[in-house]
Protein backbone atom coordinates (compact mmCIF):
# COMPACT_ATOMS: atom_id res chain seq x y z
CA MET A 1 -2.55 -26.43 1.04
CA LEU A 2 0.88 -27.65 2.26
CA GLY A 3 3.42 -27.73 -0.56
CA LEU A 4 1.38 -25.69 -3.07
CA MET A 5 2.66 -22.57 -4.68
CA ARG A 6 0.74 -19.65 -3.20
CA LEU A 7 -0.25 -16.54 -5.12
CA VAL A 8 -1.55 -13.69 -2.97
CA VAL A 9 -3.32 -10.72 -4.58
CA ILE A 10 -3.77 -7.51 -2.56
CA GLY A 11 -6.96 -5.85 -3.77
CA GLY A 12 -10.21 -7.29 -5.02
CA SER A 13 -11.40 -4.87 -7.69
CA ALA A 14 -10.79 -4.91 -11.40
CA ALA A 15 -7.08 -5.61 -11.67
CA GLY A 16 -6.89 -7.91 -8.64
CA MET A 17 -9.74 -10.21 -9.60
CA SER A 18 -8.56 -10.30 -13.23
CA ALA A 19 -5.09 -11.36 -11.99
CA ALA A 20 -6.52 -14.10 -9.80
CA ALA A 21 -8.89 -15.45 -12.42
CA ARG A 22 -6.19 -15.48 -15.14
CA ALA A 23 -3.69 -17.26 -12.86
CA ARG A 24 -6.33 -19.88 -12.00
CA ARG A 25 -6.99 -20.57 -15.71
CA LEU A 26 -3.36 -21.16 -16.36
CA ASP A 27 -2.50 -23.22 -13.22
CA ALA A 28 -5.18 -25.28 -11.49
CA SER A 29 -2.76 -26.21 -8.70
CA LEU A 30 -2.01 -22.79 -7.39
CA ASP A 31 -3.17 -21.76 -3.92
CA ILE A 32 -4.67 -18.32 -4.79
CA VAL A 33 -5.77 -15.92 -2.05
CA VAL A 34 -7.25 -12.43 -2.64
CA LEU A 35 -7.13 -9.93 0.31
CA GLU A 36 -9.62 -7.07 0.02
CA ARG A 37 -9.88 -4.57 2.87
CA GLY A 38 -13.38 -3.46 1.77
CA ALA A 39 -16.71 -5.27 1.84
CA HIS A 40 -16.99 -6.08 -1.90
CA VAL A 41 -14.97 -7.51 -4.76
CA SER A 42 -15.57 -7.54 -8.53
CA TRP A 43 -17.91 -4.55 -8.62
CA ALA A 44 -18.62 -2.24 -11.55
CA ALA A 45 -17.17 1.04 -10.44
CA CYS A 46 -18.06 2.79 -13.71
CA GLY A 47 -21.73 2.16 -12.99
CA LEU A 48 -21.80 4.21 -9.80
CA PRO A 49 -22.96 7.49 -11.47
CA TYR A 50 -25.95 5.65 -12.90
CA TYR A 51 -26.85 4.47 -9.49
CA LEU A 52 -26.94 8.09 -8.38
CA SER A 53 -29.14 9.07 -11.28
CA GLY A 54 -31.57 6.21 -10.57
CA ARG A 55 -31.00 4.31 -13.80
CA VAL A 56 -29.43 1.54 -11.73
CA LYS A 57 -31.99 0.79 -9.01
CA THR A 58 -29.85 -1.18 -6.49
CA LEU A 59 -26.11 -1.48 -5.74
CA GLU A 60 -26.49 -5.17 -5.94
CA GLU A 61 -26.85 -4.83 -9.70
CA LEU A 62 -23.30 -3.51 -9.81
CA ILE A 63 -21.80 -6.46 -7.86
CA MET A 64 -20.51 -8.80 -10.70
CA HIS A 65 -19.48 -11.76 -8.43
CA THR A 66 -19.34 -12.47 -4.73
CA PRO A 67 -16.49 -14.00 -2.75
CA ALA A 68 -18.54 -17.13 -2.50
CA TYR A 69 -18.77 -17.35 -6.31
CA PHE A 70 -15.01 -17.19 -6.67
CA GLU A 71 -14.40 -19.88 -4.06
CA ARG A 72 -17.12 -22.16 -5.48
CA GLU A 73 -16.54 -21.70 -9.19
CA ARG A 74 -12.91 -20.65 -9.49
CA ASN A 75 -11.24 -22.19 -6.36
CA ILE A 76 -10.03 -18.71 -5.38
CA ARG A 77 -10.09 -17.83 -1.68
CA VAL A 78 -11.34 -14.30 -1.23
CA ARG A 79 -11.14 -12.57 2.14
CA THR A 80 -12.97 -9.25 2.51
CA GLY A 81 -12.27 -6.99 5.47
CA ALA A 82 -8.62 -8.17 5.28
CA GLU A 83 -6.32 -5.19 5.42
CA VAL A 84 -2.62 -5.63 4.61
CA VAL A 85 -0.47 -3.28 6.74
CA ALA A 86 2.99 -4.30 5.54
CA ILE A 87 4.71 -6.26 2.74
CA GLN A 88 7.76 -8.12 4.03
CA PRO A 89 9.60 -9.23 0.90
CA GLN A 90 12.62 -10.72 2.76
CA ARG A 91 10.31 -13.17 4.49
CA ARG A 92 7.91 -13.44 1.54
CA GLN A 93 4.99 -12.67 3.81
CA LEU A 94 2.30 -10.06 4.47
CA ALA A 95 1.35 -8.57 7.75
CA LEU A 96 -2.36 -8.06 8.19
CA ARG A 97 -4.22 -5.86 10.66
CA GLY A 98 -4.84 -7.99 13.70
CA HIS A 99 -1.33 -9.44 14.07
CA GLU A 100 -1.76 -12.03 11.32
CA TYR A 101 0.82 -13.06 8.82
CA LEU A 102 0.34 -14.68 5.45
CA ALA A 103 3.21 -16.22 3.40
CA TYR A 104 3.34 -15.89 -0.38
CA ASP A 105 5.46 -17.30 -3.20
CA LYS A 106 4.23 -14.77 -5.80
CA LEU A 107 2.48 -11.47 -5.09
CA VAL A 108 0.23 -9.19 -7.14
CA ILE A 109 -0.23 -5.73 -5.78
CA ALA A 110 -3.57 -4.28 -7.00
CA THR A 111 -4.25 -1.73 -4.28
CA GLY A 112 -5.91 0.69 -6.76
CA GLY A 113 -6.19 4.37 -6.26
CA ARG A 114 -8.09 6.79 -4.07
CA PRO A 115 -9.78 10.13 -4.64
CA GLN A 116 -7.81 13.25 -3.85
CA ARG A 117 -9.21 15.15 -0.84
CA ARG A 118 -6.73 18.00 -0.49
CA LEU A 119 -9.27 20.78 -0.19
CA ALA A 120 -9.72 22.46 3.18
CA GLY A 121 -13.05 21.37 4.58
CA ALA A 122 -13.19 18.17 2.49
CA ASP A 123 -14.20 16.18 5.59
CA ALA A 124 -17.23 18.43 6.35
CA PRO A 125 -20.67 16.97 6.48
CA GLY A 126 -22.32 16.76 3.05
CA VAL A 127 -18.94 16.38 1.19
CA PHE A 128 -18.37 13.05 -0.54
CA THR A 129 -16.22 11.25 -3.03
CA LEU A 130 -17.55 8.52 -5.39
CA HIS A 131 -15.15 5.62 -5.36
CA SER A 132 -16.92 2.65 -3.82
CA PRO A 133 -20.46 1.16 -3.53
CA GLU A 134 -20.50 2.30 0.13
CA GLU A 135 -19.83 5.94 -0.88
CA ALA A 136 -22.49 5.72 -3.62
CA ARG A 137 -24.98 4.45 -1.13
CA SER A 138 -24.09 7.24 1.36
CA ILE A 139 -24.59 9.90 -1.35
CA ARG A 140 -27.97 8.60 -2.42
CA ASP A 141 -29.09 8.17 1.23
CA PHE A 142 -28.01 11.77 1.98
CA ILE A 143 -29.90 13.11 -1.04
CA GLU A 144 -33.10 11.40 -0.05
CA GLN A 145 -32.85 11.98 3.74
CA HIS A 146 -31.98 15.70 3.39
CA ARG A 147 -34.15 16.34 0.31
CA VAL A 148 -31.16 17.91 -1.37
CA ARG A 149 -31.95 20.44 -4.07
CA ARG A 150 -28.49 22.03 -4.82
CA ALA A 151 -25.39 20.11 -5.48
CA ALA A 152 -21.78 21.03 -6.48
CA VAL A 153 -19.27 18.83 -8.21
CA ILE A 154 -15.63 19.86 -8.03
CA GLY A 155 -13.56 18.67 -10.92
CA ALA A 156 -14.54 18.33 -14.61
CA GLY A 157 -12.77 15.13 -15.51
CA TYR A 158 -14.75 12.22 -16.81
CA ILE A 159 -15.99 11.27 -13.31
CA GLY A 160 -17.03 14.81 -12.48
CA VAL A 161 -18.88 15.26 -15.81
CA GLU A 162 -20.71 11.96 -15.38
CA VAL A 163 -21.70 12.63 -11.76
CA ALA A 164 -22.89 16.19 -12.62
CA ASP A 165 -25.03 14.79 -15.37
CA ALA A 166 -26.34 12.05 -13.14
CA LEU A 167 -27.34 14.43 -10.33
CA ALA A 168 -29.09 16.78 -12.88
CA GLU A 169 -30.97 13.79 -14.24
CA ARG A 170 -32.12 13.15 -10.68
CA GLY A 171 -33.56 16.64 -10.62
CA LEU A 172 -30.94 18.53 -8.63
CA SER A 173 -29.65 21.97 -9.53
CA VAL A 174 -25.93 21.30 -10.19
CA THR A 175 -22.87 23.44 -10.49
CA LEU A 176 -19.76 21.88 -11.94
CA TRP A 177 -16.47 23.64 -10.82
CA GLU A 178 -13.20 23.24 -12.68
CA ALA A 179 -9.90 24.95 -11.79
CA GLY A 180 -8.63 24.88 -15.34
CA PRO A 181 -9.96 26.01 -18.73
CA ASP A 182 -11.00 22.59 -20.08
CA VAL A 183 -13.55 19.84 -19.54
CA LEU A 184 -12.07 16.32 -19.53
CA GLY A 185 -8.51 17.86 -19.33
CA ARG A 186 -8.15 17.53 -23.10
CA ASN A 187 -6.78 20.93 -23.85
CA ASP A 188 -9.34 21.09 -26.64
CA PRO A 189 -11.41 24.34 -26.66
CA GLU A 190 -14.02 23.09 -29.15
CA LEU A 191 -14.64 19.83 -27.28
CA THR A 192 -14.96 21.88 -24.06
CA ARG A 193 -17.40 24.29 -25.76
CA ARG A 194 -19.61 21.44 -26.94
CA LEU A 195 -19.64 19.73 -23.55
CA VAL A 196 -20.40 22.98 -21.68
CA GLU A 197 -23.27 23.74 -24.03
CA HIS A 198 -24.77 20.27 -23.64
CA LEU A 199 -24.39 20.26 -19.82
CA SER A 200 -26.00 23.69 -19.68
CA ARG A 201 -28.98 22.42 -21.60
CA GLN A 202 -29.25 19.59 -19.11
CA GLY A 203 -29.30 21.90 -16.13
CA VAL A 204 -25.66 21.86 -15.13
CA GLU A 205 -23.95 25.18 -14.66
CA VAL A 206 -20.27 24.86 -15.58
CA ARG A 207 -17.70 27.21 -14.10
CA LEU A 208 -14.25 26.97 -15.70
CA ASN A 209 -11.13 28.68 -14.55
CA ALA A 210 -12.77 28.61 -11.04
CA PRO A 211 -10.42 26.85 -8.54
CA VAL A 212 -12.01 25.93 -5.30
CA LYS A 213 -9.57 26.25 -2.33
CA SER A 214 -11.88 25.72 0.59
CA ILE A 215 -15.20 24.22 1.48
CA PRO A 216 -17.68 25.67 2.21
CA LEU A 217 -16.22 29.21 1.89
CA ASP A 218 -15.89 29.13 -1.94
CA ILE A 219 -19.12 27.39 -2.77
CA SER A 220 -22.58 27.06 -1.41
CA ALA A 221 -24.50 23.74 -1.90
CA GLU A 222 -26.25 21.17 0.26
CA LEU A 223 -24.20 18.35 -1.34
CA ILE A 224 -20.65 18.56 -2.58
CA ILE A 225 -18.91 15.72 -4.47
CA LEU A 226 -15.13 15.86 -4.98
CA ALA A 227 -13.98 14.58 -8.35
CA THR A 228 -10.56 16.29 -8.32
CA GLY A 229 -8.53 13.29 -9.51
CA VAL A 230 -7.26 9.90 -8.34
CA MET A 231 -3.88 9.12 -6.74
CA PRO A 232 -2.30 5.69 -6.60
CA ASN A 233 -2.29 3.68 -3.37
CA VAL A 234 1.42 3.04 -3.28
CA GLU A 235 2.40 3.34 0.40
CA LEU A 236 2.58 -0.43 1.02
CA ALA A 237 4.67 -0.91 -1.98
CA ALA A 238 7.05 2.01 -1.28
CA GLU A 239 7.58 0.99 2.35
CA ALA A 240 8.56 -2.48 1.08
CA GLY A 241 11.24 -1.16 -1.21
CA ILE A 242 9.26 -1.32 -4.41
CA GLU A 243 10.24 1.35 -6.89
CA LEU A 244 7.84 4.09 -7.93
CA GLY A 245 7.96 5.64 -11.34
CA ARG A 246 8.10 9.31 -12.23
CA THR A 247 4.26 9.42 -12.36
CA GLY A 248 4.13 8.55 -8.64
CA ALA A 249 2.61 5.16 -9.34
CA ILE A 250 4.42 1.75 -9.07
CA ARG A 251 7.00 1.26 -11.73
CA VAL A 252 6.49 -2.02 -13.73
CA ASN A 253 7.88 -3.48 -17.01
CA GLU A 254 5.68 -4.76 -19.83
CA ARG A 255 5.16 -8.03 -17.85
CA MET A 256 3.84 -6.09 -14.83
CA GLN A 257 6.94 -6.99 -12.82
CA THR A 258 8.23 -4.68 -10.14
CA ASN A 259 11.88 -4.44 -9.12
CA LEU A 260 11.34 -7.20 -6.53
CA ALA A 261 11.48 -10.85 -7.62
CA GLY A 262 8.10 -12.50 -7.71
CA VAL A 263 6.18 -9.27 -7.10
CA PHE A 264 3.86 -7.81 -9.69
CA ALA A 265 1.62 -4.77 -9.71
CA ALA A 266 -1.42 -3.83 -11.84
CA GLY A 267 -4.30 -1.41 -12.08
CA ASP A 268 -4.75 2.05 -10.61
CA CYS A 269 -1.73 1.65 -8.33
CA ALA A 270 0.75 1.11 -11.22
CA GLU A 271 1.91 3.13 -14.17
CA THR A 272 1.95 1.94 -17.76
CA PHE A 273 3.35 3.57 -20.97
CA HIS A 274 1.89 5.48 -23.81
CA LEU A 275 2.08 3.78 -27.16
CA ILE A 276 2.47 7.07 -29.09
CA THR A 277 5.38 8.43 -27.04
CA GLY A 278 6.70 5.45 -25.20
CA ALA A 279 6.71 7.52 -22.04
CA PRO A 280 5.34 6.30 -18.66
CA VAL A 281 1.85 7.46 -17.93
CA TYR A 282 -0.71 7.07 -15.10
CA LEU A 283 -4.17 6.43 -16.54
CA PRO A 284 -6.46 5.00 -13.91
CA LEU A 285 -9.22 3.49 -16.12
CA GLY A 286 -11.17 0.32 -15.62
CA THR A 287 -10.30 -1.07 -19.05
CA THR A 288 -6.59 -0.54 -18.46
CA ALA A 289 -6.80 -2.09 -14.96
CA ASN A 290 -8.47 -5.24 -16.20
CA LYS A 291 -5.86 -5.81 -18.96
CA MET A 292 -2.97 -5.09 -16.67
CA GLY A 293 -4.36 -7.45 -14.06
CA ARG A 294 -4.75 -10.20 -16.61
CA VAL A 295 -1.07 -9.92 -17.64
CA ALA A 296 0.09 -9.80 -14.06
CA GLY A 297 -1.83 -12.88 -13.11
CA ALA A 298 -0.60 -14.80 -16.14
CA ASN A 299 3.03 -14.02 -15.39
CA ALA A 300 2.68 -14.73 -11.70
CA ALA A 301 1.40 -18.17 -12.76
CA GLY A 302 4.57 -18.74 -14.87
CA ALA A 303 3.51 -17.49 -18.27
CA ARG A 304 5.32 -14.93 -20.32
CA GLU A 305 2.77 -12.31 -21.42
CA ARG A 306 3.16 -8.62 -21.98
CA PHE A 307 1.00 -5.57 -21.70
CA GLN A 308 1.51 -3.39 -24.75
CA GLY A 309 0.52 -0.08 -23.29
CA VAL A 310 -2.32 2.40 -23.86
CA VAL A 311 -3.39 5.26 -26.11
CA GLY A 312 -5.65 6.84 -23.56
CA THR A 313 -9.11 5.92 -25.02
CA MET A 314 -11.97 7.29 -22.94
CA ILE A 315 -15.68 7.68 -23.46
CA VAL A 316 -18.32 9.64 -21.50
CA ALA A 317 -21.95 8.79 -22.12
CA LEU A 318 -24.28 11.61 -21.07
CA ARG A 319 -27.96 12.00 -21.75
CA SER A 320 -28.40 12.32 -25.53
CA LEU A 321 -24.68 12.95 -26.05
CA THR A 322 -21.59 10.73 -26.05
CA VAL A 323 -18.06 12.12 -26.10
CA ALA A 324 -15.01 9.92 -26.75
CA VAL A 325 -11.38 10.66 -27.09
CA THR A 326 -8.18 8.74 -27.77
CA GLY A 327 -4.55 9.62 -28.18
CA PHE A 328 -3.69 13.30 -28.10
CA SER A 329 -5.53 16.49 -28.96
CA ALA A 330 -3.62 18.85 -31.24
CA ALA A 331 -2.40 21.00 -28.29
CA GLN A 332 -1.35 17.90 -26.25
CA ALA A 333 0.50 16.54 -29.34
CA ARG A 334 2.39 19.80 -29.82
CA LYS A 335 3.34 19.71 -26.12
CA GLN A 336 4.80 16.25 -26.76
CA GLY A 337 6.98 17.70 -29.53
CA PHE A 338 4.95 16.71 -32.59
CA ASP A 339 4.23 19.10 -35.42
CA ALA A 340 0.54 18.44 -35.13
CA ALA A 341 -2.22 19.28 -37.61
CA ALA A 342 -5.90 18.69 -36.89
CA VAL A 343 -9.27 18.83 -38.59
CA ARG A 344 -12.73 18.72 -37.17
CA ILE A 345 -15.71 17.81 -39.41
CA VAL A 346 -19.44 17.42 -38.89
CA ALA A 347 -21.17 14.63 -40.82
CA GLN A 348 -24.22 12.39 -40.49
CA ASP A 349 -23.97 9.15 -38.50
CA ARG A 350 -26.15 7.28 -41.02
CA SER A 351 -28.21 7.81 -44.08
CA GLN A 352 -30.39 10.92 -43.72
CA TYR A 353 -33.55 9.24 -44.98
CA LEU A 354 -33.43 6.92 -41.97
CA GLY A 355 -33.23 9.68 -39.36
CA SER A 356 -29.59 10.58 -39.05
CA HIS A 357 -27.86 12.63 -36.31
CA PRO A 358 -24.91 15.00 -36.56
CA LEU A 359 -21.57 13.42 -35.65
CA GLU A 360 -18.37 15.47 -35.01
CA VAL A 361 -15.03 13.90 -35.65
CA GLU A 362 -11.61 15.36 -34.94
CA LEU A 363 -8.43 13.69 -36.22
CA VAL A 364 -4.87 14.71 -35.30
CA ALA A 365 -1.69 13.73 -37.24
CA ASP A 366 1.98 14.63 -37.38
CA ARG A 367 2.90 16.79 -40.39
CA ARG A 368 6.36 15.40 -40.65
CA SER A 369 5.56 11.66 -40.63
CA GLY A 370 1.86 11.49 -41.48
CA ARG A 371 1.31 9.46 -38.32
CA LEU A 372 -2.05 9.51 -36.64
CA LEU A 373 -1.75 11.03 -33.15
CA GLY A 374 -5.33 11.15 -31.81
CA GLY A 375 -8.97 11.83 -32.32
CA ALA A 376 -12.28 12.68 -30.82
CA VAL A 377 -15.88 11.71 -31.68
CA ILE A 378 -18.91 13.54 -30.40
CA GLY A 379 -22.48 12.70 -31.18
CA GLN A 380 -25.65 10.91 -30.15
CA CYS A 381 -25.20 7.51 -31.85
CA GLY A 382 -22.32 5.53 -33.28
CA VAL A 383 -19.62 7.13 -31.15
CA ALA A 384 -18.11 4.08 -29.44
CA GLY A 385 -17.53 2.08 -32.63
CA ARG A 386 -15.80 4.95 -34.30
CA ILE A 387 -13.51 5.93 -31.43
CA ASN A 388 -12.51 2.31 -31.25
CA VAL A 389 -11.45 2.40 -34.92
CA ILE A 390 -9.24 5.41 -34.22
CA ALA A 391 -7.85 3.75 -31.09
CA SER A 392 -7.05 0.61 -33.09
CA ALA A 393 -5.23 2.67 -35.69
CA LEU A 394 -3.17 4.41 -32.99
CA THR A 395 -2.36 1.11 -31.39
CA VAL A 396 -0.74 -0.28 -34.65
CA ASN A 397 0.92 3.08 -35.59
CA MET A 398 -1.23 3.37 -38.71
CA PRO A 399 -0.30 6.28 -41.06
CA LEU A 400 -3.05 8.64 -42.14
CA GLU A 401 -2.79 7.53 -45.78
CA GLN A 402 -3.76 3.95 -44.72
CA PHE A 403 -6.44 5.15 -42.37
CA ALA A 404 -8.12 7.10 -45.16
CA GLN A 405 -8.48 3.92 -47.18
CA LEU A 406 -10.02 1.71 -44.46
CA ASP A 407 -12.72 -0.60 -45.69
CA LEU A 408 -15.43 0.42 -43.25
CA ALA A 409 -18.97 -1.02 -43.15
CA TYR A 410 -21.87 0.66 -44.86
CA ALA A 411 -25.59 0.16 -44.44
CA PRO A 412 -28.13 2.96 -44.42
CA PRO A 413 -29.49 2.28 -40.93
CA VAL A 414 -26.00 2.43 -39.32
CA ALA A 415 -23.57 4.35 -41.53
CA PRO A 416 -23.35 6.52 -44.65
CA VAL A 417 -21.46 5.49 -47.73
CA TRP A 418 -18.63 7.82 -46.70
CA ASP A 419 -18.13 7.20 -43.00
CA PRO A 420 -17.45 10.37 -41.00
CA LEU A 421 -14.02 8.90 -40.08
CA LEU A 422 -13.05 8.73 -43.73
CA VAL A 423 -14.40 12.26 -44.47
CA ALA A 424 -12.21 13.53 -41.66
CA ALA A 425 -9.20 11.59 -42.85
CA HIS A 426 -9.44 13.01 -46.35
CA GLU A 427 -9.78 16.56 -44.95
CA LEU A 428 -6.73 15.98 -42.84
CA ARG A 429 -4.81 14.74 -45.80
CA LYS A 430 -5.58 18.03 -47.50
CA GLU A 431 -4.33 19.92 -44.37
CA LEU A 432 -1.06 17.97 -44.37
CA SER A 433 -0.46 18.53 -48.06
């Protein structure tokens, strides 16, 4: 490898492997090395709740590619069990545990995030987080070995909701605890009401405005899963002099560059910016991490690509109900300084004579400019496609007037003549006028 330009990537999950793969496509001559301190790379983190429920039978099904695959098919060296303990930018080298040093010409930091474990008693037996295949295996083994009947999930974000639903599907009695008044942190009372009703029907007791300060004093369960949020792994970067943003994650520009020459960051360790406000945000989502990693890898390989930002699109698929949001709720938009108006309608997801299901759509717009600010879709079928339409409109800053005239597809088995999105848009036009 003497004389070749070396790109080193710290972290082998979504952002890291996307960066390495993209760099390889653009430059066949690069010496690319990925350092991952864990045992796996390229695994489907979002599939872990379905492993708990039993829908995914083995963890191997969630491993997309092995290190051997990347070396054989992509000419990317992947080292698992390789922990970086320091970045030394003056020498352009990394210090690894075990007194090893590795030089780099370009560096991508994709160290990800980690679950928050700030509660007293969080290290007690029977208390877990769900952030890796190893943790998922430990949880399922604990359930089976101890014949667990009662479980508690702390935190009603999207991970907490999915885990609570998965454990209930497995037959456990589940209580979901949330310190605040909302599910999914959306500040949307109607969305919260719908989700609480659905989870209750599925056997999950939801307790809102119920902060847990200590385990096990505040709650009683055989199994406790912490889903109280994710914090970025930024210690390596900060110690090396890499700037952090106001979100606490690594500050990067639209090309994923840090303040140090030749050093990029992507994924759950880095912040991005919100397309509606332009403000920095920290949104640790797999979709965002993959796109950020792709841009970081391209630019590390000498290209000039940019990541345009996010609108915060998220979808949670529960049994017989899917909930998706993008942009801001009305309350969130007002907090950002917009004069927000919102409507929520219930329509049918397809022609009634072919067995339709109710579909709820919320749209939010600014009264002054008519700009779309956000939306939510709740239903059994057709949710993903419709939230993606709203997200696309937010991405291109589409005004409500144009959104209401979109030429959307119609066929009786999949959509009614007047799509629920258009029905909601016309109702919102009335509200604005």
